[in-house]
């Protein structure tokens, strides 16, 4: 298991498309992927769970990946979260 604190470059809260794209990205990996924000921890492969987080730029989150491709998964999620502002 690996985890990393990341600060998203985009507000994901009320926008379904970037959240859906993040869920699709997470679903490509075999590893379990979770995102923690404040007191909530959700499965990054769950659209409903991800929508409840209302991720905002500037608010740090923790991405947790566990499995055969955990390093690749964490890097992919980090790249997406940090590049989504552009």
Protein backbone atom coordinates (compact mmCIF):
# COMPACT_ATOMS: atom_id res chain seq x y z
CA UNK A 1 0.00 0.00 0.00
CA UNK A 2 1.19 3.48 -0.85
CA UNK A 3 -0.33 6.86 -0.16
CA UNK A 4 0.40 10.39 -1.17
CA UNK A 5 -1.01 13.80 -0.31
CA UNK A 6 -2.01 15.75 -3.41
CA UNK A 7 -3.54 19.18 -3.96
CA UNK A 8 -5.97 19.07 -6.91
CA UNK A 9 -5.64 21.77 -9.52
CA UNK A 10 -9.38 21.95 -10.20
CA UNK A 11 -12.70 22.13 -8.34
CA UNK A 12 -14.44 18.80 -8.90
CA UNK A 13 -17.33 19.37 -6.51
CA UNK A 14 -20.35 20.15 -8.67
CA UNK A 15 -18.96 19.13 -12.05
CA UNK A 16 -19.91 15.60 -13.04
CA UNK A 17 -17.62 15.30 -16.07
CA UNK A 18 -14.22 15.67 -14.33
CA UNK A 19 -15.36 13.38 -11.51
CA UNK A 20 -16.57 10.79 -14.04
CA UNK A 21 -13.25 11.00 -15.86
CA UNK A 22 -11.39 10.46 -12.58
CA UNK A 23 -13.56 7.41 -11.79
CA UNK A 24 -12.95 6.02 -15.30
CA UNK A 25 -9.21 6.52 -14.86
CA UNK A 26 -9.20 4.82 -11.45
CA UNK A 27 -11.22 1.93 -12.86
CA UNK A 28 -8.48 1.15 -15.39
CA UNK A 29 -6.20 -0.05 -12.62
CA UNK A 30 -6.33 -3.39 -10.81
CA UNK A 31 -5.33 -1.78 -7.52
CA UNK A 32 -7.81 -0.60 -4.93
CA UNK A 33 -7.77 3.20 -4.92
CA UNK A 34 -9.22 5.39 -2.20
CA UNK A 35 -9.31 9.14 -1.72
CA UNK A 36 -9.42 10.76 1.71
CA UNK A 37 -10.60 14.32 2.17
CA UNK A 38 -11.03 15.69 5.66
CA UNK A 39 -12.89 12.94 7.56
CA UNK A 40 -14.20 11.06 4.51
CA UNK A 41 -12.61 8.12 2.69
CA UNK A 42 -14.18 6.90 -0.55
CA UNK A 43 -13.47 4.39 -3.28
CA UNK A 44 -12.09 6.33 -6.27
CA UNK A 45 -13.86 3.86 -8.57
CA UNK A 46 -17.28 4.89 -7.21
CA UNK A 47 -18.96 7.82 -8.96
CA UNK A 48 -21.39 8.36 -6.07
CA UNK A 49 -18.62 8.25 -3.50
CA UNK A 50 -16.45 10.68 -5.45
CA UNK A 51 -19.32 13.14 -5.91
CA UNK A 52 -19.82 13.27 -2.13
CA UNK A 53 -16.25 14.52 -1.60
CA UNK A 54 -16.77 17.78 -3.55
CA UNK A 55 -13.03 18.13 -4.18
CA UNK A 56 -11.80 21.71 -4.41
CA UNK A 57 -8.56 23.12 -5.74
CA UNK A 58 -6.19 24.08 -2.97
CA UNK A 59 -7.59 21.50 -0.52
CA UNK A 60 -5.15 18.66 0.04
CA UNK A 61 -6.40 15.08 -0.27
CA UNK A 62 -4.71 11.75 0.28
CA UNK A 63 -4.70 9.14 -2.47
CA UNK A 64 -4.22 5.55 -1.32
CA UNK A 65 -3.46 2.73 -3.75
CA UNK A 66 -2.95 -0.95 -2.97
CA UNK A 67 -2.32 -3.72 -5.44
CA UNK A 68 -0.12 -4.98 -8.26
CA UNK A 69 -0.11 -1.67 -10.14
CA UNK A 70 -0.32 0.69 -7.16
CA UNK A 71 2.62 2.88 -8.20
CA UNK A 72 1.27 3.37 -11.72
CA UNK A 73 -2.23 3.94 -10.37
CA UNK A 74 -1.14 6.58 -7.88
CA UNK A 75 0.94 8.38 -10.51
CA UNK A 76 -1.96 8.36 -12.98
CA UNK A 77 -4.38 9.77 -10.42
CA UNK A 78 -1.88 12.42 -9.35
CA UNK A 79 -1.21 13.45 -12.95
CA UNK A 80 -4.93 13.79 -13.64
CA UNK A 81 -5.69 15.74 -10.46
CA UNK A 82 -2.82 18.15 -10.99
CA UNK A 83 -3.37 18.67 -14.73
CA UNK A 84 -7.16 18.93 -14.63
CA UNK A 85 -7.01 22.69 -14.13
CA UNK A 86 -5.60 23.14 -17.63
